[in-house]
Amino acid sequence: MIEVQNLSKNYGSREALRGISFSVEDGEILGFLGPNGAGKSTTMNILTGCITQTGGKALINGVDILENPMAAKKNIGYLPEIPPLYPDMTVDEYLNFVYGLKKCKLPKNSHLEEIRTLTGIEDVRKRVIRNLSKGYKQRVGIAQALVGNPQTIVLDEATVGLDPKQIIEIRSLIKKLGKNHTVILSSHILSEVQAVCDKIVVIDKGKLVAFDTAENLSRKLTGDKKLTVHIEGERDKVEKILKTVSGLDVFHVGRTVEGKVTEYELEVKEGCDIRRELFNKMAQNDCPILLMKGSELTLEEIFLKLTTGDFYGGKEE
């Protein structure tokens, strides 16, 4: 488990972090998002013991990384954005080197074999690292983070520079890691975070602006009060029926989908669920509903709304 309590960091007069707090439970995958310069790398460097904070605490499995860094770091595996590889070593030589560097006490041969199998690098164990593809180098970087079987894995831009096939493979690997490890994943690829993460932290200008699941953030930001429906029927008739639906605050007539099918955007009053009444009234008046969906935000829209208030450059309404 990771606990961040009122963490702050100053570089001279500049505040890089301003009292951020969040926690990651065992077995969770946390997505870490923020614009360039928001403080993501600073936070991750504090969590991994690379730099010290100005104020607050960072606890790794209950151990304060500032007060007892050696004990805390034993519980952390870290993959920086640029994997810390030795290109002239073979994969086996490198993993053996890391094993010794970490003073690992686990049975070496079986432990490293388990890691090679998990990360899919068994077939390249005898190859020199400089001759590996970018995807395999990333896998070797993740493998070194797993040496010693740390409870917490911190991955900074784990899929940067990879092709689509390699990205899918690394995503699958991250999901596997999440079954037995706490994982923090920093990424600029929002679809990647949405695909693999249980919760999301968004920071902006050094401050925490969101900490929740993508689904809950979408619900909170939209108020869970919007429905998009496609209804077949004369517009005047449909609009007349809509005005009789209790709990419907306002509706907007949208595009013609096809023939007499029109799209309507419905805004619902707080605490109301109009779906059943809407369905029944339209069915009774021979105006079938062909589509009904909630207007949930994508992770990209959530990110833009939290950090800029914009949607694709346009101000939110």
Foldseek 3Di string as FASTA:
>chain_A
DKWWFQFWADDVPATQAGGATDDFDFLFEEEEAEPVSQNPVVVVCCQQVVDHTPDTFMAQVNHTCVVPVLVRNLQEQEAALDQPDDQQDFLQVGLVVLLVVNVAPPDPPVQLVVLCVLLVNPVRRGPGNNPDDPLVVLSSSVSSSCRNNHQEYEYEASCPPHDPVSLVSVLVSLQVSSRRHYYYYYHPPQVSCLVRGQWYWYGGSNYTQDIGRLQVLQCVVVVQFKKKWKKADAPVVLVVLVVPQPQWDDKDWDDAPDDRITIMMTGGHHPDDRVVVSQVSCVVVVIHIPDMDTPGDRSVQSNCCRHPCDDVPHHDD
